[in-house]
Amino acid sequence: MSGAWSPAENFTNTPLGGSQSASIMVDRTSNDFYVLWQDDYQRPTDDAVYWKCYVAYKNKGTGPWVFAGLLQEPTARCYFPVADIDAKGRIYTTFDNRAPGNAVIQFAQNPTPKVFSGWTSPANVSDITGLPFSYSKMACDDDGNVYVVWTQKVGTADNTDVFFRKRVNGVWREAENVSNTPTPSTRASVAVNRLTGKVHIVWTEQAGATDA
């Protein structure tokens, strides 16, 4: 490696609308690249609420980007997707869904991410969070276990906490309030040791804040 950055590439290349909030993954076994992002280029009318999550890949990290379809999310309110890939090349993603009027964190996966029909229907991870956006982050280990964090409104005061939920052996465990502070906690991120499943979480804490 020379240390030089390659030229920027337009991997969405959509004719209309905005492409944003991309997440990138590399399959360690094949060196295939995958990207997942939100886009509104298929918005049916100018005033429609329409954001979908799309997928593209690059075989062995070379050549052109190949469009690989979109998540089967029927409300078209898919925001801020994040994704990770395990040792077997299976992709997992979470995103904000605003269909109920405020954010719900949803989860989908694809064991064969180059195949459009491989995406599962989104599953509800958080229930209603009480916020316009909850900015989920996620990670997976090499056994396909999934770890998710997000921000959620708590109580009647203007306070938020960071919540965590994991899926182990295909079964979702109960959500946990991992910050649990009297001041606003927000914008969390999560990392996991892919071999052991040990989880690490960081977030922003507004220390000394008072209720609005």
C-alpha atoms as a PDB file:
ATOM      1  CA  MET A   1       0.000   0.000   0.000  1.00  0.00           C
ATOM      2  CA  SER A   2       1.386   3.379  -1.012  1.00  0.00           C
ATOM      3  CA  GLY A   3      -0.807   5.305   1.412  1.00  0.00           C
ATOM      4  CA  ALA A   4      -2.356   7.379  -1.376  1.00  0.00           C
ATOM      5  CA  TRP A   5      -6.135   7.770  -1.573  1.00  0.00           C
ATOM      6  CA  SER A   6      -7.813   6.504  -4.719  1.00  0.00           C
ATOM      7  CA  PRO A   7     -10.005   8.895  -6.734  1.00  0.00           C
ATOM      8  CA  ALA A   8     -13.546   9.384  -5.438  1.00  0.00           C
ATOM      9  CA  GLU A   9     -16.194   7.211  -7.102  1.00  0.00           C
ATOM     10  CA  ASN A  10     -19.888   7.853  -7.656  1.00  0.00           C
ATOM     11  CA  PHE A  11     -21.324   4.554  -6.447  1.00  0.00           C
ATOM     12  CA  THR A  12     -24.982   5.630  -6.290  1.00  0.00           C
ATOM     13  CA  ASN A  13     -25.150   7.477  -9.623  1.00  0.00           C
ATOM     14  CA  THR A  14     -28.889   8.076  -9.294  1.00  0.00           C
ATOM     15  CA  PRO A  15     -30.487  10.421 -11.838  1.00  0.00           C
ATOM     16  CA  LEU A  16     -32.568  12.437  -9.352  1.00  0.00           C
ATOM     17  CA  GLY A  17     -32.902  13.174  -5.660  1.00  0.00           C
ATOM     18  CA  GLY A  18     -30.339  12.869  -2.906  1.00  0.00           C
ATOM     19  CA  SER A  19     -28.044  10.008  -1.935  1.00  0.00           C
ATOM     20  CA  GLN A  20     -26.832  10.121   1.651  1.00  0.00           C
ATOM     21  CA  SER A  21     -25.947   8.347   4.907  1.00  0.00           C
ATOM     22  CA  ALA A  22     -23.837   5.609   3.349  1.00  0.00           C
ATOM     23  CA  SER A  23     -22.410   2.610   5.168  1.00  0.00           C
ATOM     24  CA  ILE A  24     -19.572   0.517   3.695  1.00  0.00           C
ATOM     25  CA  MET A  25     -18.480  -3.073   4.383  1.00  0.00           C
ATOM     26  CA  VAL A  26     -15.767  -5.420   3.115  1.00  0.00           C
ATOM     27  CA  ASP A  27     -16.214  -9.200   2.978  1.00  0.00           C
ATOM     28  CA  ARG A  28     -12.946 -10.569   4.377  1.00  0.00           C
ATOM     29  CA  THR A  29     -13.262 -13.880   2.557  1.00  0.00           C
ATOM     30  CA  SER A  30     -13.717 -12.421  -0.950  1.00  0.00           C
ATOM     31  CA  ASN A  31     -12.712  -8.756  -0.657  1.00  0.00           C
ATOM     32  CA  ASP A  32     -16.109  -7.838  -2.118  1.00  0.00           C
ATOM     33  CA  PHE A  33     -17.162  -4.277  -1.212  1.00  0.00           C
ATOM     34  CA  TYR A  34     -20.743  -3.447  -0.212  1.00  0.00           C
ATOM     35  CA  VAL A  35     -22.420  -0.070   0.308  1.00  0.00           C
ATOM     36  CA  LEU A  36     -25.861   0.704   1.690  1.00  0.00           C
ATOM     37  CA  TRP A  37     -27.445   4.174   1.677  1.00  0.00           C
ATOM     38  CA  GLN A  38     -30.701   6.117   1.730  1.00  0.00           C
ATOM     39  CA  ASP A  39     -32.018   7.708  -1.456  1.00  0.00           C
ATOM     40  CA  ASP A  40     -35.185   9.413  -2.694  1.00  0.00           C
ATOM     41  CA  TYR A  41     -34.566   9.255  -6.429  1.00  0.00           C
ATOM     42  CA  GLN A  42     -37.720   7.177  -6.959  1.00  0.00           C
ATOM     43  CA  ARG A  43     -39.915   9.651  -5.056  1.00  0.00           C
ATOM     44  CA  PRO A  44     -43.326   9.450  -6.798  1.00  0.00           C
ATOM     45  CA  THR A  45     -44.207  13.148  -6.296  1.00  0.00           C
ATOM     46  CA  ASP A  46     -42.331  16.200  -5.068  1.00  0.00           C
ATOM     47  CA  ASP A  47     -44.345  16.384  -1.842  1.00  0.00           C
ATOM     48  CA  ALA A  48     -44.272  12.656  -1.019  1.00  0.00           C
ATOM     49  CA  VAL A  49     -42.339  11.374   1.971  1.00  0.00           C
ATOM     50  CA  TYR A  50     -40.053   8.836   0.341  1.00  0.00           C
ATOM     51  CA  TRP A  51     -36.681   7.487   1.462  1.00  0.00           C
ATOM     52  CA  LYS A  52     -35.572   3.974   0.645  1.00  0.00           C
ATOM     53  CA  CYS A  53     -32.420   2.028   1.553  1.00  0.00           C
ATOM     54  CA  TYR A  54     -30.438   0.779  -1.445  1.00  0.00           C
ATOM     55  CA  VAL A  55     -27.500  -1.621  -1.844  1.00  0.00           C
ATOM     56  CA  ALA A  56     -24.594  -1.866  -4.290  1.00  0.00           C
ATOM     57  CA  TYR A  57     -21.450  -3.996  -4.415  1.00  0.00           C
ATOM     58  CA  LYS A  58     -18.076  -4.210  -6.142  1.00  0.00           C
ATOM     59  CA  ASN A  59     -16.726  -7.687  -6.916  1.00  0.00           C
ATOM     60  CA  LYS A  60     -13.374  -8.306  -5.210  1.00  0.00           C
ATOM     61  CA  GLY A  61     -13.018  -4.569  -4.705  1.00  0.00           C
ATOM     62  CA  THR A  62     -12.379  -3.831  -8.376  1.00  0.00           C
ATOM     63  CA  GLY A  63     -14.347  -2.793 -11.431  1.00  0.00           C
ATOM     64  CA  PRO A  64     -17.744  -1.099 -11.503  1.00  0.00           C
ATOM     65  CA  TRP A  65     -20.292  -0.828  -8.716  1.00  0.00           C
ATOM     66  CA  VAL A  66     -23.238  -3.183  -9.269  1.00  0.00           C
ATOM     67  CA  PHE A  67     -26.728  -2.202  -8.102  1.00  0.00           C
ATOM     68  CA  ALA A  68     -28.125  -4.895  -5.798  1.00  0.00           C
ATOM     69  CA  GLY A  69     -31.638  -3.656  -5.086  1.00  0.00           C
ATOM     70  CA  LEU A  70     -33.172  -2.230  -1.955  1.00  0.00           C
ATOM     71  CA  LEU A  71     -34.508  -3.259   1.424  1.00  0.00           C
ATOM     72  CA  GLN A  72     -38.119  -4.407   1.467  1.00  0.00           C
ATOM     73  CA  GLU A  73     -39.340  -1.558   3.665  1.00  0.00           C
ATOM     74  CA  PRO A  74     -42.952  -0.728   2.672  1.00  0.00           C
ATOM     75  CA  THR A  75     -43.366   2.685   4.332  1.00  0.00           C
ATOM     76  CA  ALA A  76     -40.528   4.357   2.345  1.00  0.00           C
ATOM     77  CA  ARG A  77     -39.278   6.079   5.493  1.00  0.00           C
ATOM     78  CA  CYS A  78     -35.833   4.543   5.813  1.00  0.00           C
ATOM     79  CA  TYR A  79     -33.258   6.918   7.326  1.00  0.00           C
ATOM     80  CA  PHE A  80     -29.600   6.679   8.358  1.00  0.00           C
ATOM     81  CA  PRO A  81     -28.876   3.013   7.602  1.00  0.00           C
ATOM     82  CA  VAL A  82     -25.807   1.445   9.203  1.00  0.00           C
ATOM     83  CA  ALA A  83     -24.550  -2.036   8.417  1.00  0.00           C
ATOM     84  CA  ASP A  84     -21.970  -4.669   9.250  1.00  0.00           C
ATOM     85  CA  ILE A  85     -20.842  -7.980   7.743  1.00  0.00           C
ATOM     86  CA  ASP A  86     -19.832 -11.197   9.502  1.00  0.00           C
ATOM     87  CA  ALA A  87     -17.193 -13.823   8.741  1.00  0.00           C
ATOM     88  CA  LYS A  88     -19.556 -15.686   6.394  1.00  0.00           C
ATOM     89  CA  GLY A  89     -20.377 -12.615   4.290  1.00  0.00           C
ATOM     90  CA  ARG A  90     -23.848 -12.095   5.790  1.00  0.00           C
ATOM     91  CA  ILE A  91     -24.923  -8.443   6.027  1.00  0.00           C
ATOM     92  CA  TYR A  92     -26.979  -6.942   8.861  1.00  0.00           C
ATOM     93  CA  THR A  93     -28.430  -3.438   8.963  1.00  0.00           C
ATOM     94  CA  THR A  94     -30.403  -1.135  11.229  1.00  0.00           C
ATOM     95  CA  PHE A  95     -32.087   2.143  10.319  1.00  0.00           C
ATOM     96  CA  ASP A  96     -34.517   4.770  11.610  1.00  0.00           C
ATOM     97  CA  ASN A  97     -38.091   4.328  10.437  1.00  0.00           C
ATOM     98  CA  ARG A  98     -40.325   7.353  10.975  1.00  0.00           C
ATOM     99  CA  ALA A  99     -43.643   5.907   9.805  1.00  0.00           C
ATOM    100  CA  PRO A 100     -45.343   6.208  13.241  1.00  0.00           C
ATOM    101  CA  GLY A 101     -44.431   9.915  13.434  1.00  0.00           C
ATOM    102  CA  ASN A 102     -41.230   9.411  15.354  1.00  0.00           C
ATOM    103  CA  ALA A 103     -38.315   7.037  15.114  1.00  0.00           C
ATOM    104  CA  VAL A 104     -38.476   3.281  15.454  1.00  0.00           C
ATOM    105  CA  ILE A 105     -35.240   1.338  14.962  1.00  0.00           C
ATOM    106  CA  GLN A 106     -35.666  -1.528  12.515  1.00  0.00           C
ATOM    107  CA  PHE A 107     -33.395  -4.411  11.558  1.00  0.00           C
ATOM    108  CA  ALA A 108     -32.949  -6.490   8.401  1.00  0.00           C
ATOM    109  CA  GLN A 109     -30.400  -8.992   7.150  1.00  0.00           C
ATOM    110  CA  ASN A 110     -29.297 -10.735   3.978  1.00  0.00           C
ATOM    111  CA  PRO A 111     -27.223 -13.950   3.958  1.00  0.00           C
ATOM    112  CA  THR A 112     -26.640 -13.509   0.210  1.00  0.00           C
ATOM    113  CA  PRO A 113     -26.290  -9.725  -0.183  1.00  0.00           C
ATOM    114  CA  LYS A 114     -25.715  -9.827  -3.937  1.00  0.00           C
ATOM    115  CA  VAL A 115     -29.202 -11.323  -4.301  1.00  0.00           C
ATOM    116  CA  PHE A 116     -31.958  -8.702  -4.149  1.00  0.00           C
ATOM    117  CA  SER A 117     -34.577 -11.135  -2.830  1.00  0.00           C
ATOM    118  CA  GLY A 118     -32.393 -12.214   0.098  1.00  0.00           C
ATOM    119  CA  TRP A 119     -33.319  -9.295   2.373  1.00  0.00           C
ATOM    120  CA  THR A 120     -35.634 -10.099   5.260  1.00  0.00           C
ATOM    121  CA  SER A 121     -38.614  -7.915   6.079  1.00  0.00           C
ATOM    122  CA  PRO A 122     -37.658  -5.285   8.680  1.00  0.00           C
ATOM    123  CA  ALA A 123     -38.082  -6.259  12.337  1.00  0.00           C
ATOM    124  CA  ASN A 124     -38.824  -3.745  15.101  1.00  0.00           C
ATOM    125  CA  VAL A 125     -35.882  -3.478  17.507  1.00  0.00           C
ATOM    126  CA  SER A 126     -36.747  -0.462  19.668  1.00  0.00           C
ATOM    127  CA  ASP A 127     -40.494   0.311  19.541  1.00  0.00           C
ATOM    128  CA  ILE A 128     -41.275   4.063  19.460  1.00  0.00           C
ATOM    129  CA  THR A 129     -38.335   6.079  20.777  1.00  0.00           C
ATOM    130  CA  GLY A 130     -40.096   9.419  21.245  1.00  0.00           C
ATOM    131  CA  LEU A 131     -37.562  11.245  19.050  1.00  0.00           C
ATOM    132  CA  PRO A 132     -37.551  12.456  15.430  1.00  0.00           C
ATOM    133  CA  PHE A 133     -34.386  10.387  14.846  1.00  0.00           C
ATOM    134  CA  SER A 134     -32.574   7.938  17.102  1.00  0.00           C
ATOM    135  CA  TYR A 135     -29.410   7.388  15.042  1.00  0.00           C
ATOM    136  CA  SER A 136     -28.852   3.697  15.629  1.00  0.00           C
ATOM    137  CA  LYS A 137     -25.433   2.088  15.363  1.00  0.00           C
ATOM    138  CA  MET A 138     -24.753  -1.618  15.154  1.00  0.00           C
ATOM    139  CA  ALA A 139     -22.034  -4.243  14.993  1.00  0.00           C
ATOM    140  CA  CYS A 140     -21.908  -8.010  14.559  1.00  0.00           C
ATOM    141  CA  ASP A 141     -19.480 -10.724  15.619  1.00  0.00           C
ATOM    142  CA  ASP A 142     -18.186 -13.639  13.575  1.00  0.00           C
ATOM    143  CA  ASP A 143     -21.017 -15.888  14.768  1.00  0.00           C
ATOM    144  CA  GLY A 144     -23.666 -13.567  13.342  1.00  0.00           C
ATOM    145  CA  ASN A 145     -24.753 -12.149  16.698  1.00  0.00           C
ATOM    146  CA  VAL A 146     -25.914  -8.525  16.407  1.00  0.00           C
ATOM    147  CA  TYR A 147     -25.457  -5.595  18.814  1.00  0.00           C
ATOM    148  CA  VAL A 148     -27.489  -2.374  18.448  1.00  0.00           C
ATOM    149  CA  VAL A 149     -27.506   0.985  20.266  1.00  0.00           C
ATOM    150  CA  TRP A 150     -29.784   3.996  19.859  1.00  0.00           C
ATOM    151  CA  THR A 151     -31.032   7.148  21.640  1.00  0.00           C
ATOM    152  CA  GLN A 152     -34.475   7.163  23.265  1.00  0.00           C
ATOM    153  CA  LYS A 153     -36.591   9.666  25.189  1.00  0.00           C
ATOM    154  CA  VAL A 154     -37.191   8.665  28.817  1.00  0.00           C
ATOM    155  CA  GLY A 155     -39.786   9.872  31.311  1.00  0.00           C
ATOM    156  CA  THR A 156     -41.767  13.068  30.925  1.00  0.00           C
ATOM    157  CA  ALA A 157     -38.814  15.450  31.164  1.00  0.00           C
ATOM    158  CA  ASP A 158     -36.658  16.508  28.244  1.00  0.00           C
ATOM    159  CA  ASN A 159     -34.172  13.687  28.806  1.00  0.00           C
ATOM    160  CA  THR A 160     -32.751  10.945  26.597  1.00  0.00           C
ATOM    161  CA  ASP A 161     -30.812   7.789  27.338  1.00  0.00           C
ATOM    162  CA  VAL A 162     -28.784   5.331  25.301  1.00  0.00           C
ATOM    163  CA  PHE A 163     -30.373   1.922  24.861  1.00  0.00           C
ATOM    164  CA  PHE A 164     -28.739  -1.346  23.862  1.00  0.00           C
ATOM    165  CA  ARG A 165     -30.162  -4.575  22.497  1.00  0.00           C
ATOM    166  CA  LYS A 166     -28.486  -7.723  21.208  1.00  0.00           C
ATOM    167  CA  ARG A 167     -29.526 -10.720  19.143  1.00  0.00           C
ATOM    168  CA  VAL A 168     -27.742 -13.927  20.169  1.00  0.00           C
ATOM    169  CA  ASN A 169     -28.204 -17.174  18.247  1.00  0.00           C
ATOM    170  CA  GLY A 170     -31.045 -15.544  16.329  1.00  0.00           C
ATOM    171  CA  VAL A 171     -33.002 -14.501  19.446  1.00  0.00           C
ATOM    172  CA  TRP A 172     -33.431 -10.858  20.501  1.00  0.00           C
ATOM    173  CA  ARG A 173     -32.775 -10.148  24.184  1.00  0.00           C
ATOM    174  CA  GLU A 174     -34.547  -7.414  26.142  1.00  0.00           C
ATOM    175  CA  ALA A 175     -33.472  -3.812  25.543  1.00  0.00           C
ATOM    176  CA  GLU A 176     -31.282  -2.241  28.240  1.00  0.00           C
ATOM    177  CA  ASN A 177     -30.855   1.396  29.275  1.00  0.00           C
ATOM    178  CA  VAL A 178     -27.053   1.518  29.381  1.00  0.00           C
ATOM    179  CA  SER A 179     -26.553   5.229  30.160  1.00  0.00           C
ATOM    180  CA  ASN A 180     -29.438   5.736  32.627  1.00  0.00           C
ATOM    181  CA  THR A 181     -28.444   9.256  33.659  1.00  0.00           C
ATOM    182  CA  PRO A 182     -30.485  12.324  34.726  1.00  0.00           C
ATOM    183  CA  THR A 183     -28.858  14.332  31.899  1.00  0.00           C
ATOM    184  CA  PRO A 184     -29.263  13.821  28.143  1.00  0.00           C
ATOM    185  CA  SER A 185     -27.297  10.925  26.640  1.00  0.00           C
ATOM    186  CA  THR A 186     -27.141  10.726  22.848  1.00  0.00           C
ATOM    187  CA  ARG A 187     -25.253   9.736  19.658  1.00  0.00           C
ATOM    188  CA  ALA A 188     -24.001   6.342  20.818  1.00  0.00           C
ATOM    189  CA  SER A 189     -21.721   3.972  18.956  1.00  0.00           C
ATOM    190  CA  VAL A 190     -20.968   0.291  19.531  1.00  0.00           C
ATOM    191  CA  ALA A 191     -18.019  -2.004  18.807  1.00  0.00           C
ATOM    192  CA  VAL A 192     -17.640  -5.724  19.438  1.00  0.00           C
ATOM    193  CA  ASN A 193     -14.740  -8.127  19.605  1.00  0.00           C
ATOM    194  CA  ARG A 194     -15.645 -10.339  16.658  1.00  0.00           C
ATOM    195  CA  LEU A 195     -14.101 -13.436  18.256  1.00  0.00           C
ATOM    196  CA  THR A 196     -15.387 -13.148  21.831  1.00  0.00           C
ATOM    197  CA  GLY A 197     -18.564 -11.066  21.507  1.00  0.00           C
ATOM    198  CA  LYS A 198     -17.365  -8.583  24.151  1.00  0.00           C
ATOM    199  CA  VAL A 199     -19.201  -5.284  23.598  1.00  0.00           C
ATOM    200  CA  HIS A 200     -18.003  -1.679  24.045  1.00  0.00           C
ATOM    201  CA  ILE A 201     -20.321   1.370  23.877  1.00  0.00           C
ATOM    202  CA  VAL A 202     -19.566   5.107  23.824  1.00  0.00           C
ATOM    203  CA  TRP A 203     -21.934   8.071  23.768  1.00  0.00           C
ATOM    204  CA  THR A 204     -22.178  11.830  24.296  1.00  0.00           C
ATOM    205  CA  GLU A 205     -23.336  12.949  27.739  1.00  0.00           C
ATOM    206  CA  GLN A 206     -24.621  16.490  28.311  1.00  0.00           C
ATOM    207  CA  ALA A 207     -23.246  16.796  31.814  1.00  0.00           C
ATOM    208  CA  GLY A 208     -24.885  19.350  34.096  1.00  0.00           C
ATOM    209  CA  ALA A 209     -27.902  19.884  31.840  1.00  0.00           C
ATOM    210  CA  THR A 210     -31.235  20.906  33.339  1.00  0.00           C
ATOM    211  CA  ASP A 211     -34.761  20.276  32.092  1.00  0.00           C
ATOM    212  CA  ALA A 212     -35.971  22.653  29.408  1.00  0.00           C
END
